[in-house]
PDB file of N, CA and C in Angstrom:
ATOM      1  N   MET A   1       7.100  -2.061  -2.984  1.00  0.00           N
ATOM      2  CA  MET A   1       6.858  -1.011  -3.946  1.00  0.00           C
ATOM      3  C   MET A   1       5.576  -0.272  -3.553  1.00  0.00           C
ATOM      4  N   SER A   2       5.638   1.020  -3.670  1.00  0.00           N
ATOM      5  CA  SER A   2       4.461   1.829  -3.368  1.00  0.00           C
ATOM      6  C   SER A   2       3.501   1.805  -4.557  1.00  0.00           C
ATOM      7  N   PRO A   3       2.233   2.091  -4.317  1.00  0.00           N
ATOM      8  CA  PRO A   3       1.274   2.142  -5.428  1.00  0.00           C
ATOM      9  C   PRO A   3       1.654   3.186  -6.483  1.00  0.00           C
ATOM     10  N   ARG A   4       2.246   4.303  -6.058  1.00  0.00           N
ATOM     11  CA  ARG A   4       2.677   5.326  -7.020  1.00  0.00           C
ATOM     12  C   ARG A   4       3.781   4.795  -7.915  1.00  0.00           C
ATOM     13  N   GLU A   5       4.736   4.066  -7.335  1.00  0.00           N
ATOM     14  CA  GLU A   5       5.835   3.507  -8.128  1.00  0.00           C
ATOM     15  C   GLU A   5       5.309   2.500  -9.140  1.00  0.00           C
ATOM     16  N   VAL A   6       4.390   1.653  -8.709  1.00  0.00           N
ATOM     17  CA  VAL A   6       3.814   0.653  -9.605  1.00  0.00           C
ATOM     18  C   VAL A   6       3.042   1.343 -10.734  1.00  0.00           C
ATOM     19  N   ALA A   7       2.287   2.382 -10.399  1.00  0.00           N
ATOM     20  CA  ALA A   7       1.519   3.103 -11.420  1.00  0.00           C
ATOM     21  C   ALA A   7       2.435   3.744 -12.455  1.00  0.00           C
ATOM     22  N   VAL A   8       3.518   4.352 -11.995  1.00  0.00           N
ATOM     23  CA  VAL A   8       4.458   4.986 -12.927  1.00  0.00           C
ATOM     24  C   VAL A   8       5.128   3.937 -13.798  1.00  0.00           C
ATOM     25  N   LEU A   9       5.545   2.823 -13.223  1.00  0.00           N
ATOM     26  CA  LEU A   9       6.170   1.755 -14.016  1.00  0.00           C
ATOM     27  C   LEU A   9       5.185   1.186 -15.038  1.00  0.00           C
ATOM     28  N   ARG A  10       3.917   1.053 -14.648  1.00  0.00           N
ATOM     29  CA  ARG A  10       2.903   0.539 -15.573  1.00  0.00           C
ATOM     30  C   ARG A  10       2.739   1.490 -16.763  1.00  0.00           C
ATOM     31  N   LEU A  11       2.712   2.785 -16.497  1.00  0.00           N
ATOM     32  CA  LEU A  11       2.560   3.754 -17.579  1.00  0.00           C
ATOM     33  C   LEU A  11       3.803   3.797 -18.464  1.00  0.00           C
ATOM     34  N   ILE A  12       4.966   3.627 -17.889  1.00  0.00           N
ATOM     35  CA  ILE A  12       6.190   3.571 -18.690  1.00  0.00           C
ATOM     36  C   ILE A  12       6.178   2.318 -19.564  1.00  0.00           C
ATOM     37  N   ALA A  13       5.674   1.218 -19.029  1.00  0.00           N
ATOM     38  CA  ALA A  13       5.569  -0.011 -19.816  1.00  0.00           C
ATOM     39  C   ALA A  13       4.643   0.165 -21.007  1.00  0.00           C
ATOM     40  N   GLU A  14       3.670   1.074 -20.883  1.00  0.00           N
ATOM     41  CA  GLU A  14       2.761   1.368 -21.993  1.00  0.00           C
ATOM     42  C   GLU A  14       3.395   2.299 -23.020  1.00  0.00           C
ATOM     43  N   GLY A  15       4.601   2.780 -22.732  1.00  0.00           N
ATOM     44  CA  GLY A  15       5.313   3.612 -23.689  1.00  0.00           C
ATOM     45  C   GLY A  15       5.168   5.104 -23.466  1.00  0.00           C
ATOM     46  N   ARG A  16       4.657   5.496 -22.332  1.00  0.00           N
ATOM     47  CA  ARG A  16       4.459   6.921 -22.052  1.00  0.00           C
ATOM     48  C   ARG A  16       5.750   7.573 -21.568  1.00  0.00           C
ATOM     49  N   GLN A  17       5.902   8.862 -21.864  1.00  0.00           N
ATOM     50  CA  GLN A  17       7.043   9.649 -21.411  1.00  0.00           C
ATOM     51  C   GLN A  17       6.692  10.293 -20.071  1.00  0.00           C
ATOM     52  N   CYS A  18       7.705  10.789 -19.364  1.00  0.00           N
ATOM     53  CA  CYS A  18       7.491  11.375 -18.047  1.00  0.00           C
ATOM     54  C   CYS A  18       6.527  12.556 -18.079  1.00  0.00           C
ATOM     55  N   ASP A  19       6.606  13.385 -19.099  1.00  0.00           N
ATOM     56  CA  ASP A  19       5.696  14.530 -19.160  1.00  0.00           C
ATOM     57  C   ASP A  19       4.249  14.095 -19.372  1.00  0.00           C
ATOM     58  N   GLU A  20       4.032  13.035 -20.147  1.00  0.00           N
ATOM     59  CA  GLU A  20       2.687  12.506 -20.351  1.00  0.00           C
ATOM     60  C   GLU A  20       2.136  11.896 -19.069  1.00  0.00           C
ATOM     61  N   ILE A  21       2.999  11.172 -18.354  1.00  0.00           N
ATOM     62  CA  ILE A  21       2.595  10.555 -17.086  1.00  0.00           C
ATOM     63  C   ILE A  21       2.234  11.639 -16.080  1.00  0.00           C
ATOM     64  N   ALA A  22       3.045  12.688 -16.025  1.00  0.00           N
ATOM     65  CA  ALA A  22       2.804  13.784 -15.087  1.00  0.00           C
ATOM     66  C   ALA A  22       1.444  14.417 -15.340  1.00  0.00           C
ATOM     67  N   THR A  23       1.109  14.632 -16.591  1.00  0.00           N
ATOM     68  CA  THR A  23      -0.183  15.217 -16.930  1.00  0.00           C
ATOM     69  C   THR A  23      -1.319  14.290 -16.520  1.00  0.00           C
ATOM     70  N   GLU A  24      -1.150  13.003 -16.768  1.00  0.00           N
ATOM     71  CA  GLU A  24      -2.215  12.039 -16.492  1.00  0.00           C
ATOM     72  C   GLU A  24      -2.487  11.870 -15.006  1.00  0.00           C
ATOM     73  N   ILE A  25      -1.432  11.822 -14.186  1.00  0.00           N
ATOM     74  CA  ILE A  25      -1.645  11.575 -12.755  1.00  0.00           C
ATOM     75  C   ILE A  25      -1.548  12.840 -11.914  1.00  0.00           C
ATOM     76  N   SER A  26      -1.479  13.982 -12.572  1.00  0.00           N
ATOM     77  CA  SER A  26      -1.492  15.298 -11.907  1.00  0.00           C
ATOM     78  C   SER A  26      -0.338  15.512 -10.935  1.00  0.00           C
ATOM     79  N   TYR A  27       0.843  15.124 -11.362  1.00  0.00           N
ATOM     80  CA  TYR A  27       2.073  15.410 -10.633  1.00  0.00           C
ATOM     81  C   TYR A  27       2.956  16.239 -11.558  1.00  0.00           C
ATOM     82  N   SER A  28       3.987  16.833 -10.984  1.00  0.00           N
ATOM     83  CA  SER A  28       4.953  17.517 -11.842  1.00  0.00           C
ATOM     84  C   SER A  28       5.849  16.463 -12.498  1.00  0.00           C
ATOM     85  N   GLU A  29       6.464  16.854 -13.591  1.00  0.00           N
ATOM     86  CA  GLU A  29       7.374  15.930 -14.278  1.00  0.00           C
ATOM     87  C   GLU A  29       8.524  15.541 -13.365  1.00  0.00           C
ATOM     88  N   ARG A  30       8.993  16.484 -12.570  1.00  0.00           N
ATOM     89  CA  ARG A  30      10.090  16.202 -11.640  1.00  0.00           C
ATOM     90  C   ARG A  30       9.681  15.153 -10.606  1.00  0.00           C
ATOM     91  N   THR A  31       8.448  15.233 -10.114  1.00  0.00           N
ATOM     92  CA  THR A  31       7.955  14.251  -9.144  1.00  0.00           C
ATOM     93  C   THR A  31       7.876  12.873  -9.779  1.00  0.00           C
ATOM     94  N   VAL A  32       7.422  12.811 -11.017  1.00  0.00           N
ATOM     95  CA  VAL A  32       7.345  11.522 -11.719  1.00  0.00           C
ATOM     96  C   VAL A  32       8.738  10.920 -11.856  1.00  0.00           C
ATOM     97  N   ARG A  33       9.715  11.749 -12.219  1.00  0.00           N
ATOM     98  CA  ARG A  33      11.092  11.247 -12.330  1.00  0.00           C
ATOM     99  C   ARG A  33      11.613  10.778 -10.975  1.00  0.00           C
ATOM    100  N   TYR A  34      11.286  11.496  -9.909  1.00  0.00           N
ATOM    101  CA  TYR A  34      11.698  11.107  -8.565  1.00  0.00           C
ATOM    102  C   TYR A  34      11.091   9.752  -8.185  1.00  0.00           C
ATOM    103  N   ILE A  35       9.809   9.573  -8.495  1.00  0.00           N
ATOM    104  CA  ILE A  35       9.140   8.298  -8.211  1.00  0.00           C
ATOM    105  C   ILE A  35       9.792   7.181  -9.020  1.00  0.00           C
ATOM    106  N   LEU A  36      10.057   7.443 -10.291  1.00  0.00           N
ATOM    107  CA  LEU A  36      10.687   6.449 -11.166  1.00  0.00           C
ATOM    108  C   LEU A  36      12.059   6.052 -10.651  1.00  0.00           C
ATOM    109  N   TYR A  37      12.876   7.036 -10.301  1.00  0.00           N
ATOM    110  CA  TYR A  37      14.222   6.723  -9.832  1.00  0.00           C
ATOM    111  C   TYR A  37      14.189   6.015  -8.483  1.00  0.00           C
ATOM    112  N   GLY A  38      13.200   6.314  -7.662  1.00  0.00           N
ATOM    113  CA  GLY A  38      13.027   5.583  -6.401  1.00  0.00           C
ATOM    114  C   GLY A  38      12.705   4.124  -6.661  1.00  0.00           C
ATOM    115  N   ALA A  39      11.840   3.875  -7.636  1.00  0.00           N
ATOM    116  CA  ALA A  39      11.491   2.502  -8.001  1.00  0.00           C
ATOM    117  C   ALA A  39      12.705   1.774  -8.576  1.00  0.00           C
ATOM    118  N   MET A  40      13.469   2.478  -9.414  1.00  0.00           N
ATOM    119  CA  MET A  40      14.667   1.867  -9.989  1.00  0.00           C
ATOM    120  C   MET A  40      15.674   1.518  -8.900  1.00  0.00           C
ATOM    121  N   LYS A  41      15.813   2.376  -7.923  1.00  0.00           N
ATOM    122  CA  LYS A  41      16.736   2.109  -6.820  1.00  0.00           C
ATOM    123  C   LYS A  41      16.259   0.918  -5.997  1.00  0.00           C
ATOM    124  N   ARG A  42      14.959   0.877  -5.736  1.00  0.00           N
ATOM    125  CA  ARG A  42      14.393  -0.214  -4.950  1.00  0.00           C
ATOM    126  C   ARG A  42      14.552  -1.564  -5.670  1.00  0.00           C
ATOM    127  N   LEU A  43      14.394  -1.538  -7.001  1.00  0.00           N
ATOM    128  CA  LEU A  43      14.529  -2.763  -7.786  1.00  0.00           C
ATOM    129  C   LEU A  43      15.982  -3.077  -8.146  1.00  0.00           C
ATOM    130  N   ARG A  44      16.869  -2.128  -7.846  1.00  0.00           N
ATOM    131  CA  ARG A  44      18.294  -2.262  -8.163  1.00  0.00           C
ATOM    132  C   ARG A  44      18.528  -2.425  -9.661  1.00  0.00           C
ATOM    133  N   THR A  45      17.910  -1.518 -10.409  1.00  0.00           N
ATOM    134  CA  THR A  45      18.067  -1.513 -11.858  1.00  0.00           C
ATOM    135  C   THR A  45      18.687  -0.190 -12.279  1.00  0.00           C
ATOM    136  N   ARG A  46      19.240  -0.158 -13.487  1.00  0.00           N
ATOM    137  CA  ARG A  46      19.920   1.050 -13.961  1.00  0.00           C
ATOM    138  C   ARG A  46      19.162   1.794 -15.036  1.00  0.00           C
ATOM    139  N   THR A  47      18.288   1.116 -15.748  1.00  0.00           N
ATOM    140  CA  THR A  47      17.553   1.760 -16.831  1.00  0.00           C
ATOM    141  C   THR A  47      16.055   1.569 -16.636  1.00  0.00           C
ATOM    142  N   ARG A  48      15.292   2.403 -17.335  1.00  0.00           N
ATOM    143  CA  ARG A  48      13.832   2.291 -17.270  1.00  0.00           C
ATOM    144  C   ARG A  48      13.367   0.945 -17.805  1.00  0.00           C
ATOM    145  N   ALA A  49      13.946   0.533 -18.920  1.00  0.00           N
ATOM    146  CA  ALA A  49      13.543  -0.733 -19.539  1.00  0.00           C
ATOM    147  C   ALA A  49      13.815  -1.906 -18.605  1.00  0.00           C
ATOM    148  N   HIS A  50      14.938  -1.880 -17.950  1.00  0.00           N
ATOM    149  CA  HIS A  50      15.279  -2.941 -17.013  1.00  0.00           C
ATOM    150  C   HIS A  50      14.312  -2.928 -15.831  1.00  0.00           C
ATOM    151  N   ALA A  51      13.960  -1.754 -15.340  1.00  0.00           N
ATOM    152  CA  ALA A  51      13.022  -1.640 -14.221  1.00  0.00           C
ATOM    153  C   ALA A  51      11.653  -2.198 -14.608  1.00  0.00           C
ATOM    154  N   VAL A  52      11.199  -1.873 -15.806  1.00  0.00           N
ATOM    155  CA  VAL A  52       9.904  -2.378 -16.264  1.00  0.00           C
ATOM    156  C   VAL A  52       9.947  -3.896 -16.419  1.00  0.00           C
ATOM    157  N   SER A  53      10.978  -4.422 -17.043  1.00  0.00           N
ATOM    158  CA  SER A  53      11.055  -5.868 -17.227  1.00  0.00           C
ATOM    159  C   SER A  53      11.166  -6.600 -15.891  1.00  0.00           C
ATOM    160  N   HIS A  54      11.892  -6.024 -14.960  1.00  0.00           N
ATOM    161  CA  HIS A  54      12.011  -6.628 -13.625  1.00  0.00           C
ATOM    162  C   HIS A  54      10.665  -6.632 -12.926  1.00  0.00           C
ATOM    163  N   ALA A  55       9.926  -5.528 -13.014  1.00  0.00           N
ATOM    164  CA  ALA A  55       8.613  -5.439 -12.378  1.00  0.00           C
ATOM    165  C   ALA A  55       7.626  -6.422 -13.000  1.00  0.00           C
ATOM    166  N   ILE A  56       7.720  -6.628 -14.300  1.00  0.00           N
ATOM    167  CA  ILE A  56       6.838  -7.595 -14.968  1.00  0.00           C
ATOM    168  C   ILE A  56       7.149  -9.008 -14.490  1.00  0.00           C
ATOM    169  N   ARG A  57       8.450  -9.339 -14.464  1.00  0.00           N
ATOM    170  CA  ARG A  57       8.829 -10.695 -14.005  1.00  0.00           C
ATOM    171  C   ARG A  57       8.460 -10.928 -12.559  1.00  0.00           C
ATOM    172  N   ALA A  58       8.497  -9.875 -11.737  1.00  0.00           N
ATOM    173  CA  ALA A  58       8.170 -10.006 -10.310  1.00  0.00           C
ATOM    174  C   ALA A  58       6.653 -10.003 -10.073  1.00  0.00           C
ATOM    175  N   GLY A  59       5.884  -9.750 -11.128  1.00  0.00           N
ATOM    176  CA  GLY A  59       4.432  -9.753 -11.001  1.00  0.00           C
ATOM    177  C   GLY A  59       3.866  -8.460 -10.433  1.00  0.00           C
ATOM    178  N   LEU A  60       4.638  -7.406 -10.459  1.00  0.00           N
ATOM    179  CA  LEU A  60       4.175  -6.120  -9.936  1.00  0.00           C
ATOM    180  C   LEU A  60       3.312  -5.371 -10.929  1.00  0.00           C
ATOM    181  N   ILE A  61       3.543  -5.630 -12.203  1.00  0.00           N
ATOM    182  CA  ILE A  61       2.763  -4.977 -13.265  1.00  0.00           C
ATOM    183  C   ILE A  61       1.885  -6.021 -13.919  1.00  0.00           C
TER     184      ILE A  61
END
């Protein structure tokens, strides 16, 4: 996992939406979604919640 993917997953775990994350890390909302979907693909998950829970269990967050 890249540091950007971990950062986005951590912020999603805190309950933030993509537009809030984009503002905080100075990316476009589309880039944040691209990073999120890349992380979901890498973790082989289908939903954001599943990706976050998988990352927590794996010790990434």
